[in-house]
Amino acid sequence: MNNILNFFGHDASLSANRVESHDWQAAGVDCIYIIFITGRCGSTWLTHLLEDSGICGHPHELFNETLMPRFNQSIEAGNFKEYFAGAVTQFSSGGRFGFKIDEWRLSHLLPLVDFKTLFPAEITHCFWMTRRDLVSQAFSFGRAKTTGHWHDFTAKVAEQKQDLVELSDAQMWKEIIDILAKERRMAAFFEREGIAYFPVDYEQMLADRLLTVMRVMIELGCGHEEINGFIQRMEDKTLRLEFGNKYEVLGRFCAKYGKVLLTLDKERSQFPVEELKRQLELDYHLSL
């Protein structure tokens, strides 16, 4: 069952819910943008800042089945077609409509839309947000899945929690392999659809979030004065999670698998995932 359709009931069919096109002009939208993500890459940080600008829409995970019930409280849609139209109405601002989506949920969205027709290339901007530090990204996934602690926000957290988790080597490698597989599938999607994306990554946000947000807003056609006015008053609402015992876990992991990790750093986009799994199973007796 398609996870997005499942929200509307088990009898919902793909054909009845498929969205072929949308009248963007009538909706007051002249700029669409999609932030494709791998997860744990700083996308929540970025999208909250874009939302706070007031002119970049509200780029939430609108097609995340766990969040759709909350969004649909105001949309009140009975099917996906109504939900899509309502999301455009509810979550656009400044003539812009955006959303973020990971590779797995994209695979559930694509059967429900005619991508090229629904998102015309002349008004659609695609961003691909990743994280260069694959080991920290994998740890962040493993920790969040283990603890259920995914984000901290300034409005909700008085004191941040120090998560203490013990992730096995197999858990870490499963997360790394999953990230690599997602990156390969996204690369194939971009090539298949002829998408020229704008690259963004977590490390750019850490180094200079103001410049990163500014460049994204420029890509979206925001005016310089509007951007500068926002940058001057921009405040973070998303907090980086505390380290906890991260470096104890990763210190041992990197000491043991340093050579394999170095190879991945050098050959990240080319190294065959299945070969990596075989190497880990053969050399380190990991069951992956």
Protein backbone atom coordinates (compact mmCIF):
# COMPACT_ATOMS: atom_id res chain seq x y z
CA MET A 1 0.00 0.00 0.00
CA ASN A 2 1.20 3.48 -0.86
CA ASN A 3 1.97 5.13 2.48
CA ILE A 4 0.61 8.51 1.40
CA LEU A 5 -2.66 7.03 0.16
CA ASN A 6 -2.92 4.87 3.28
CA PHE A 7 -3.61 8.06 5.22
CA PHE A 8 -6.86 8.47 3.26
CA GLY A 9 -8.00 4.87 3.72
CA HIS A 10 -7.32 1.43 2.33
CA ASP A 11 -9.81 1.84 -0.53
CA ALA A 12 -8.04 4.86 -2.01
CA SER A 13 -6.78 4.11 -5.53
CA LEU A 14 -3.77 5.54 -7.33
CA SER A 15 -5.71 6.47 -10.45
CA ALA A 16 -8.47 8.32 -8.59
CA ASN A 17 -5.99 10.30 -6.53
CA ARG A 18 -3.35 11.04 -9.17
CA VAL A 19 -2.58 14.75 -9.63
CA GLU A 20 -1.66 15.48 -13.24
CA SER A 21 -1.36 19.27 -13.07
CA HIS A 22 -2.19 22.34 -11.00
CA ASP A 23 -3.16 25.90 -11.89
CA TRP A 24 -0.22 27.57 -10.20
CA GLN A 25 -1.06 31.00 -11.60
CA ALA A 26 -4.56 30.87 -10.11
CA ALA A 27 -2.98 29.76 -6.81
CA GLY A 28 -0.76 32.85 -6.85
CA VAL A 29 2.41 30.76 -7.09
CA ASP A 30 5.13 31.69 -9.55
CA CYS A 31 7.94 29.75 -7.84
CA ILE A 32 7.89 26.09 -6.77
CA TYR A 33 10.78 24.51 -4.94
CA ILE A 34 11.58 21.03 -3.72
CA ILE A 35 14.31 20.20 -1.23
CA PHE A 36 15.29 16.58 -1.74
CA ILE A 37 17.02 15.23 1.36
CA THR A 38 18.88 12.22 2.72
CA GLY A 39 17.82 12.92 6.32
CA ARG A 40 19.84 14.11 9.31
CA CYS A 41 21.40 16.66 6.96
CA GLY A 42 20.23 19.95 8.49
CA SER A 43 17.11 20.28 6.35
CA THR A 44 14.84 21.11 9.30
CA TRP A 45 17.24 23.87 10.29
CA LEU A 46 17.23 25.28 6.75
CA THR A 47 13.49 25.01 6.12
CA HIS A 48 12.55 26.67 9.40
CA LEU A 49 14.72 29.63 8.49
CA LEU A 50 13.21 29.85 5.00
CA GLU A 51 9.74 29.72 6.51
CA ASP A 52 10.58 32.52 8.94
CA SER A 53 11.44 34.80 6.00
CA GLY A 54 7.71 35.09 5.30
CA ILE A 55 8.28 35.03 1.53
CA CYS A 56 9.38 31.43 0.89
CA GLY A 57 6.26 29.51 1.83
CA HIS A 58 6.27 26.85 4.51
CA PRO A 59 8.55 24.07 3.18
CA HIS A 60 7.50 21.24 5.47
CA GLU A 61 7.56 17.49 4.83
CA LEU A 62 4.08 17.77 3.39
CA PHE A 63 4.12 14.21 2.04
CA ASN A 64 5.43 12.51 5.16
CA GLU A 65 2.63 10.16 6.25
CA THR A 66 3.44 10.68 9.94
CA LEU A 67 2.99 14.46 9.62
CA MET A 68 0.08 14.58 7.19
CA PRO A 69 -2.58 14.18 9.93
CA ARG A 70 -1.36 17.42 11.55
CA PHE A 71 -1.26 19.31 8.25
CA ASN A 72 -4.68 17.98 7.26
CA GLN A 73 -6.29 19.44 10.36
CA SER A 74 -6.44 22.76 8.52
CA ILE A 75 -6.71 21.36 4.98
CA GLU A 76 -9.52 18.91 5.83
CA ALA A 77 -8.95 16.86 2.67
CA GLY A 78 -10.71 13.58 2.01
CA ASN A 79 -8.34 12.43 -0.72
CA PHE A 80 -4.89 13.15 -2.08
CA LYS A 81 -6.07 15.51 -4.82
CA GLU A 82 -7.81 17.68 -2.24
CA TYR A 83 -4.81 17.43 0.08
CA PHE A 84 -2.37 18.59 -2.60
CA ALA A 85 -4.53 21.56 -3.61
CA GLY A 86 -5.10 22.46 0.03
CA ALA A 87 -1.39 22.23 0.83
CA VAL A 88 -0.61 24.69 -1.95
CA THR A 89 -3.21 27.10 -0.58
CA GLN A 90 -2.26 26.70 3.08
CA PHE A 91 1.52 26.61 2.80
CA SER A 92 2.40 29.17 0.12
CA SER A 93 3.64 32.68 0.80
CA GLY A 94 5.38 35.38 -1.21
CA GLY A 95 4.27 33.64 -4.40
CA ARG A 96 6.34 30.59 -3.45
CA PHE A 97 5.43 27.02 -2.58
CA GLY A 98 8.03 24.57 -1.33
CA PHE A 99 8.36 21.25 0.41
CA LYS A 100 11.07 18.82 1.40
CA ILE A 101 11.05 15.09 0.82
CA ASP A 102 13.35 12.13 1.33
CA GLU A 103 14.05 9.41 -1.23
CA TRP A 104 11.76 6.79 0.32
CA ARG A 105 8.73 9.09 0.50
CA LEU A 106 9.49 10.37 -2.99
CA SER A 107 9.02 6.78 -4.18
CA HIS A 108 5.48 6.92 -2.72
CA LEU A 109 4.74 10.39 -4.14
CA LEU A 110 5.82 9.72 -7.73
CA PRO A 111 2.99 7.26 -8.57
CA LEU A 112 0.53 9.94 -7.43
CA VAL A 113 1.78 12.78 -9.63
CA ASP A 114 2.89 13.56 -13.15
CA PHE A 115 6.16 15.09 -11.98
CA LYS A 116 7.16 17.03 -15.10
CA THR A 117 3.67 18.40 -15.74
CA LEU A 118 2.80 19.15 -12.14
CA PHE A 119 6.12 20.84 -11.43
CA PRO A 120 6.98 22.77 -14.62
CA ALA A 121 10.72 23.15 -15.07
CA GLU A 122 10.45 26.86 -15.86
CA ILE A 123 9.15 27.70 -12.37
CA THR A 124 10.48 24.76 -10.32
CA HIS A 125 13.76 24.85 -8.40
CA CYS A 126 15.25 21.64 -7.04
CA PHE A 127 17.71 21.44 -4.17
CA TRP A 128 19.62 18.33 -3.11
CA MET A 129 20.62 18.46 0.56
CA THR A 130 23.18 15.98 1.82
CA ARG A 131 25.79 15.61 4.53
CA ARG A 132 29.48 15.15 3.77
CA ASP A 133 30.22 13.54 7.14
CA LEU A 134 28.72 10.14 6.44
CA VAL A 135 29.75 8.68 9.81
CA SER A 136 28.08 11.41 11.86
CA GLN A 137 25.01 11.21 9.65
CA ALA A 138 24.75 7.47 10.23
CA PHE A 139 25.20 7.93 13.99
CA SER A 140 22.52 10.64 14.01
CA PHE A 141 20.08 8.28 12.31
CA GLY A 142 20.93 5.41 14.65
CA ARG A 143 20.63 7.55 17.76
CA ALA A 144 17.32 9.09 16.70
CA LYS A 145 15.81 5.72 15.81
CA THR A 146 16.99 4.26 19.12
CA THR A 147 15.86 7.13 21.36
CA GLY A 148 13.00 8.65 19.37
CA HIS A 149 14.75 12.00 19.86
CA TRP A 150 14.88 13.61 16.40
CA HIS A 151 14.91 17.38 16.96
CA ASP A 152 15.19 20.11 19.59
CA PHE A 153 13.51 23.47 19.12
CA THR A 154 14.18 26.64 21.08
CA ALA A 155 10.47 27.15 21.82
CA LYS A 156 10.06 23.68 23.32
CA VAL A 157 13.33 22.81 25.08
CA ALA A 158 14.50 24.43 28.30
CA GLU A 159 17.44 22.09 28.78
CA GLN A 160 18.79 19.79 26.09
CA LYS A 161 19.03 16.08 26.71
CA GLN A 162 22.33 14.20 26.59
CA ASP A 163 21.50 11.00 24.70
CA LEU A 164 23.60 8.00 25.67
CA VAL A 165 23.31 5.18 23.15
CA GLU A 166 25.35 2.15 22.24
CA LEU A 167 25.19 1.45 18.52
CA SER A 168 26.69 -1.79 17.29
CA ASP A 169 29.05 -1.89 14.33
CA ALA A 170 26.30 -3.60 12.33
CA GLN A 171 23.82 -0.82 13.19
CA MET A 172 26.28 1.85 12.09
CA TRP A 173 27.09 0.11 8.83
CA LYS A 174 23.43 -0.54 8.04
CA GLU A 175 22.78 3.21 8.37
CA ILE A 176 25.80 4.08 6.21
CA ILE A 177 24.78 1.59 3.52
CA ASP A 178 21.19 2.87 3.61
CA ILE A 179 22.37 6.46 3.11
CA LEU A 180 24.60 5.43 0.19
CA ALA A 181 21.74 3.50 -1.42
CA LYS A 182 19.42 6.49 -1.07
CA GLU A 183 22.02 8.75 -2.67
CA ARG A 184 22.38 6.37 -5.63
CA ARG A 185 18.61 6.17 -6.16
CA MET A 186 18.28 9.96 -5.98
CA ALA A 187 21.12 10.38 -8.49
CA ALA A 188 19.29 7.99 -10.83
CA PHE A 189 16.06 9.98 -10.40
CA PHE A 190 17.79 13.28 -11.18
CA GLU A 191 19.37 11.79 -14.30
CA ARG A 192 16.14 10.18 -15.43
CA GLU A 193 14.12 13.39 -15.02
CA GLY A 194 16.86 15.68 -16.33
CA ILE A 195 16.93 17.65 -13.07
CA ALA A 196 19.75 20.16 -12.62
CA TYR A 197 19.70 20.58 -8.86
CA PHE A 198 21.23 23.18 -6.55
CA PRO A 199 23.52 21.37 -4.05
CA VAL A 200 23.29 22.22 -0.35
CA ASP A 201 24.80 20.38 2.59
CA TYR A 202 24.90 20.30 6.37
CA GLU A 203 28.48 21.49 6.53
CA GLN A 204 27.61 24.66 4.60
CA MET A 205 24.93 25.40 7.17
CA LEU A 206 27.44 24.93 9.99
CA ALA A 207 30.08 27.09 8.33
CA ASP A 208 27.81 30.00 7.37
CA ARG A 209 24.07 29.51 7.68
CA LEU A 210 23.39 33.15 6.76
CA LEU A 211 25.15 32.84 3.42
CA THR A 212 23.59 29.44 2.75
CA VAL A 213 20.06 30.72 3.37
CA MET A 214 20.84 33.83 1.33
CA ARG A 215 21.99 31.76 -1.67
CA VAL A 216 18.89 29.59 -1.52
CA MET A 217 16.65 32.68 -1.39
CA ILE A 218 18.49 34.23 -4.33
CA GLU A 219 17.91 31.01 -6.29
CA LEU A 220 14.21 31.37 -5.46
CA GLY A 221 14.14 34.86 -6.92
CA CYS A 222 13.83 36.80 -3.66
CA GLY A 223 14.88 40.43 -3.87
CA HIS A 224 18.17 41.54 -2.35
CA GLU A 225 16.54 44.05 0.00
CA GLU A 226 14.04 41.45 1.21
CA ILE A 227 16.82 38.94 1.78
CA ASN A 228 19.08 41.39 3.59
CA GLY A 229 16.25 42.58 5.82
CA PHE A 230 15.51 39.01 6.83
CA ILE A 231 19.16 38.05 7.33
CA GLN A 232 19.58 40.93 9.76
CA ARG A 233 16.84 39.61 12.04
CA MET A 234 17.16 35.85 11.40
CA GLU A 235 17.07 33.67 14.52
CA ASP A 236 17.58 29.94 14.85
CA LYS A 237 14.62 27.97 16.13
CA THR A 238 16.29 24.60 15.59
CA LEU A 239 19.01 23.46 17.98
CA ARG A 240 21.84 21.03 17.29
CA LEU A 241 21.43 17.95 19.46
CA GLU A 242 23.90 17.55 22.30
CA PHE A 243 26.84 15.18 21.75
CA GLY A 244 26.02 12.70 24.50
CA ASN A 245 28.43 9.78 24.07
CA LYS A 246 28.74 10.28 20.30
CA TYR A 247 32.51 10.52 20.24
CA GLU A 248 33.03 7.48 22.44
CA VAL A 249 30.99 5.40 20.01
CA LEU A 250 32.47 6.91 16.86
CA GLY A 251 36.03 6.89 18.18
CA ARG A 252 35.93 3.11 18.49
CA PHE A 253 34.14 2.76 15.15
CA CYS A 254 36.60 4.91 13.20
CA ALA A 255 39.61 3.24 14.81
CA LYS A 256 38.35 -0.16 13.67
CA TYR A 257 37.12 0.73 10.18
CA GLY A 258 39.39 3.64 9.26
CA LYS A 259 40.66 2.17 5.98
CA VAL A 260 37.19 1.28 4.72
CA LEU A 261 35.87 4.72 5.68
CA LEU A 262 38.77 6.43 3.89
CA THR A 263 37.93 4.51 0.73
CA LEU A 264 34.31 5.63 1.05
CA ASP A 265 35.40 9.24 1.50
CA LYS A 266 37.35 9.03 -1.76
CA GLU A 267 34.89 6.96 -3.78
CA ARG A 268 31.53 7.74 -2.20
CA SER A 269 29.49 8.03 -5.38
CA GLN A 270 31.19 5.13 -7.19
CA PHE A 271 31.88 2.47 -4.56
CA PRO A 272 29.46 -0.45 -5.17
CA VAL A 273 27.17 -0.85 -2.16
CA GLU A 274 26.89 -4.63 -2.56
CA GLU A 275 30.66 -4.95 -2.72
CA LEU A 276 30.95 -2.92 0.48
CA LYS A 277 28.52 -5.28 2.22
CA ARG A 278 30.45 -8.33 1.03
CA GLN A 279 33.73 -6.82 2.21
CA LEU A 280 32.33 -6.11 5.68
CA GLU A 281 30.81 -9.56 5.97
CA LEU A 282 34.01 -11.26 4.81
CA ASP A 283 36.64 -9.17 6.60
CA TYR A 284 34.73 -8.24 9.77
CA HIS A 285 32.13 -11.02 10.00
CA LEU A 286 29.23 -8.55 10.11
CA SER A 287 25.75 -9.74 9.25
CA LEU A 288 24.26 -7.01 7.07
